[in-house]
Amino acid sequence: MGYDEIVEALLPLWGAKLGTENSREAWAERWVPAALADFNEQIQARDVVRFLCEAAVASVGDAKWPDRLLTPVAMRRALSACSRAKVEEINQENPLLGALLRRMSTFSDSVKMPFDAADVELTADDVEALGQWGALARDVDGRYRMPEIYRHALGFRTQGRARVVRGL
């Protein structure tokens, strides 16, 4: 299938937007992959399955969205659950990255994204490692962002409205 055919086929699953058709909300076909991807534009299959399961469970009984199976609120909540599970799995599978992410999370109450490396006490080696793992990217202003799939679990808030972005 081509991209447009895939987008059309997924409309009954999650609708066109994370809101009504006339809203200023994100387009679902862009938001979902961007929210689940790291900055290397990689998405793990288990994150997709977990996202669909969490969003489906949270969508049950919500009659406000008859045009889709997964509701916008449920999809946003599912991202948070997926983020927590991803960071837990990283702690088990990659202890070095897990320790670095845990250390960074200790700054989440006082630091908002985007941030400077010094704000979260990242060394140049830390920045390089996080960048290689797709967990950190430098924004156009020279400050750093984390992908949504990591940010939620670590508790980092954003300055202004959160942007779901792909690799920067």
Protein backbone atom coordinates (compact mmCIF):
# COMPACT_ATOMS: atom_id res chain seq x y z
CA MET A 1 0.00 0.00 0.00
CA GLY A 2 1.07 3.53 -0.62
CA TYR A 3 1.20 6.18 2.10
CA ASP A 4 -2.17 7.71 1.21
CA GLU A 5 -3.82 4.28 1.18
CA ILE A 6 -2.38 3.49 4.62
CA VAL A 7 -3.59 6.83 6.01
CA GLU A 8 -7.06 6.17 4.62
CA ALA A 9 -7.13 2.62 6.01
CA LEU A 10 -6.20 3.87 9.50
CA LEU A 11 -8.92 6.55 9.70
CA PRO A 12 -11.44 4.16 11.32
CA LEU A 13 -8.78 3.28 13.90
CA TRP A 14 -7.72 6.74 15.09
CA GLY A 15 -9.45 9.35 12.97
CA ALA A 16 -7.82 12.11 10.98
CA LYS A 17 -6.82 14.35 13.92
CA LEU A 18 -6.41 14.18 17.67
CA GLY A 19 -9.56 16.25 17.86
CA THR A 20 -12.41 17.22 15.60
CA GLU A 21 -11.76 17.64 11.92
CA ASN A 22 -11.82 21.44 12.22
CA SER A 23 -9.61 21.55 15.32
CA ARG A 24 -6.03 22.77 15.42
CA GLU A 25 -4.94 19.41 16.84
CA ALA A 26 -2.26 17.19 15.33
CA TRP A 27 -2.90 14.90 12.38
CA ALA A 28 -3.02 11.34 13.76
CA GLU A 29 -1.01 9.82 10.91
CA ARG A 30 1.90 12.10 11.82
CA TRP A 31 1.45 12.27 15.59
CA VAL A 32 1.43 8.54 16.32
CA PRO A 33 4.70 7.64 14.56
CA ALA A 34 6.41 10.81 15.79
CA ALA A 35 5.28 10.19 19.37
CA LEU A 36 6.50 6.58 19.39
CA ALA A 37 9.78 7.14 17.54
CA ASP A 38 13.15 7.99 18.93
CA PHE A 39 15.26 10.64 17.25
CA ASN A 40 16.82 7.99 15.01
CA GLU A 41 13.28 7.62 13.61
CA GLN A 42 13.07 4.08 14.94
CA ILE A 43 9.93 2.63 16.45
CA GLN A 44 9.93 -0.67 18.30
CA ALA A 45 7.09 -3.04 17.47
CA ARG A 46 6.39 -3.60 21.17
CA ASP A 47 5.82 0.14 21.61
CA VAL A 48 3.26 0.11 18.79
CA VAL A 49 1.47 -2.93 20.21
CA ARG A 50 1.51 -1.45 23.71
CA PHE A 51 0.22 1.88 22.40
CA LEU A 52 -2.66 0.25 20.54
CA CYS A 53 -3.58 -1.90 23.54
CA GLU A 54 -3.44 0.95 26.06
CA ALA A 55 -5.39 3.31 23.79
CA ALA A 56 -8.01 0.66 23.03
CA VAL A 57 -8.61 -0.11 26.70
CA ALA A 58 -8.88 3.58 27.55
CA SER A 59 -11.25 4.19 24.61
CA VAL A 60 -13.86 1.65 25.72
CA GLY A 61 -17.17 3.32 26.51
CA ASP A 62 -16.28 6.73 25.07
CA ALA A 63 -19.16 7.46 22.71
CA LYS A 64 -17.98 10.97 21.86
CA TRP A 65 -15.93 9.67 18.91
CA PRO A 66 -18.14 7.33 16.83
CA ASP A 67 -15.89 7.72 13.76
CA ARG A 68 -12.91 5.94 15.36
CA LEU A 69 -11.93 3.14 17.70
CA LEU A 70 -9.18 5.02 19.55
CA THR A 71 -10.12 8.33 21.13
CA PRO A 72 -7.76 11.30 21.27
CA VAL A 73 -7.70 11.36 25.08
CA ALA A 74 -6.97 7.64 25.19
CA MET A 75 -4.15 7.99 22.67
CA ARG A 76 -2.49 10.74 24.70
CA ARG A 77 -2.79 8.68 27.89
CA ALA A 78 -1.45 5.64 26.09
CA LEU A 79 1.69 7.54 25.14
CA SER A 80 2.44 8.18 28.82
CA ALA A 81 1.97 4.50 29.66
CA CYS A 82 4.17 3.48 26.72
CA SER A 83 6.84 5.92 27.81
CA ARG A 84 6.96 4.50 31.34
CA ALA A 85 7.19 0.93 30.02
CA LYS A 86 9.91 1.88 27.53
CA VAL A 87 12.10 3.46 30.19
CA GLU A 88 11.59 0.45 32.49
CA GLU A 89 12.66 -1.88 29.67
CA ILE A 90 15.69 0.28 28.90
CA ASN A 91 16.75 0.03 32.54
CA GLN A 92 16.80 -3.76 32.14
CA GLU A 93 18.23 -4.01 28.63
CA ASN A 94 20.76 -1.19 28.62
CA PRO A 95 21.88 -0.38 32.18
CA LEU A 96 24.20 2.44 31.03
CA LEU A 97 21.40 4.28 29.21
CA GLY A 98 18.98 3.48 32.04
CA ALA A 99 21.30 5.02 34.64
CA LEU A 100 21.79 8.12 32.50
CA LEU A 101 18.03 8.55 32.01
CA ARG A 102 17.38 8.07 35.75
CA ARG A 103 19.98 10.71 36.56
CA MET A 104 18.42 13.11 34.08
CA SER A 105 14.95 12.55 35.56
CA THR A 106 16.13 13.98 38.88
CA PHE A 107 16.13 17.40 37.19
CA SER A 108 12.61 17.17 35.77
CA ASP A 109 11.02 19.24 38.56
CA SER A 110 13.27 22.21 37.90
CA VAL A 111 14.15 21.94 34.20
CA LYS A 112 11.84 22.25 31.20
CA MET A 113 12.51 21.15 27.69
CA PRO A 114 14.31 22.31 25.64
CA PHE A 115 17.25 22.51 27.99
CA ASP A 116 20.98 23.05 27.96
CA ALA A 117 23.23 20.07 28.67
CA ALA A 118 24.48 21.81 31.80
CA ASP A 119 20.91 22.13 33.11
CA VAL A 120 20.79 18.35 33.58
CA GLU A 121 24.54 17.91 34.16
CA LEU A 122 25.22 16.11 30.90
CA THR A 123 28.83 15.72 29.82
CA ALA A 124 29.83 15.78 26.17
CA ASP A 125 30.08 11.96 26.32
CA ASP A 126 26.58 11.74 27.80
CA VAL A 127 25.19 13.94 25.02
CA GLU A 128 26.94 11.85 22.38
CA ALA A 129 25.68 8.56 23.87
CA LEU A 130 22.10 9.81 24.24
CA GLY A 131 22.23 11.11 20.66
CA GLN A 132 23.45 7.76 19.32
CA TRP A 133 20.60 6.00 21.14
CA GLY A 134 18.10 8.47 19.68
CA ALA A 135 17.17 9.75 23.13
CA LEU A 136 18.40 13.33 22.70
CA ALA A 137 18.73 15.79 19.85
CA ARG A 138 19.91 19.35 19.53
CA ASP A 139 17.20 21.80 18.54
CA VAL A 140 17.74 24.67 16.10
CA ASP A 141 18.51 27.01 19.01
CA GLY A 142 21.29 24.74 20.30
CA ARG A 143 19.27 23.42 23.22
CA TYR A 144 18.28 19.78 23.65
CA ARG A 145 15.02 17.87 23.35
CA MET A 146 14.02 14.33 24.14
CA PRO A 147 11.56 12.27 22.11
CA GLU A 148 8.08 12.01 23.57
CA ILE A 149 8.51 8.28 24.14
CA TYR A 150 11.21 9.15 26.72
CA ARG A 151 10.10 12.57 27.95
CA HIS A 152 6.84 11.51 29.58
CA ALA A 153 8.38 8.82 31.78
CA LEU A 154 11.18 11.09 32.87
CA GLY A 155 8.74 13.82 33.85
CA PHE A 156 10.12 16.61 31.71
CA ARG A 157 7.61 19.30 30.87
CA THR A 158 7.98 21.59 27.90
CA GLN A 159 8.11 25.34 27.64
CA GLY A 160 4.81 26.22 26.03
CA ARG A 161 2.81 23.54 24.27
CA ALA A 162 4.58 20.24 23.78
CA ARG A 163 5.76 19.58 20.26
CA VAL A 164 5.93 16.08 18.94
CA VAL A 165 8.89 16.26 16.63
CA ARG A 166 10.99 13.84 14.66
CA GLY A 167 14.77 13.89 14.63
CA LEU A 168 16.09 17.41 14.74
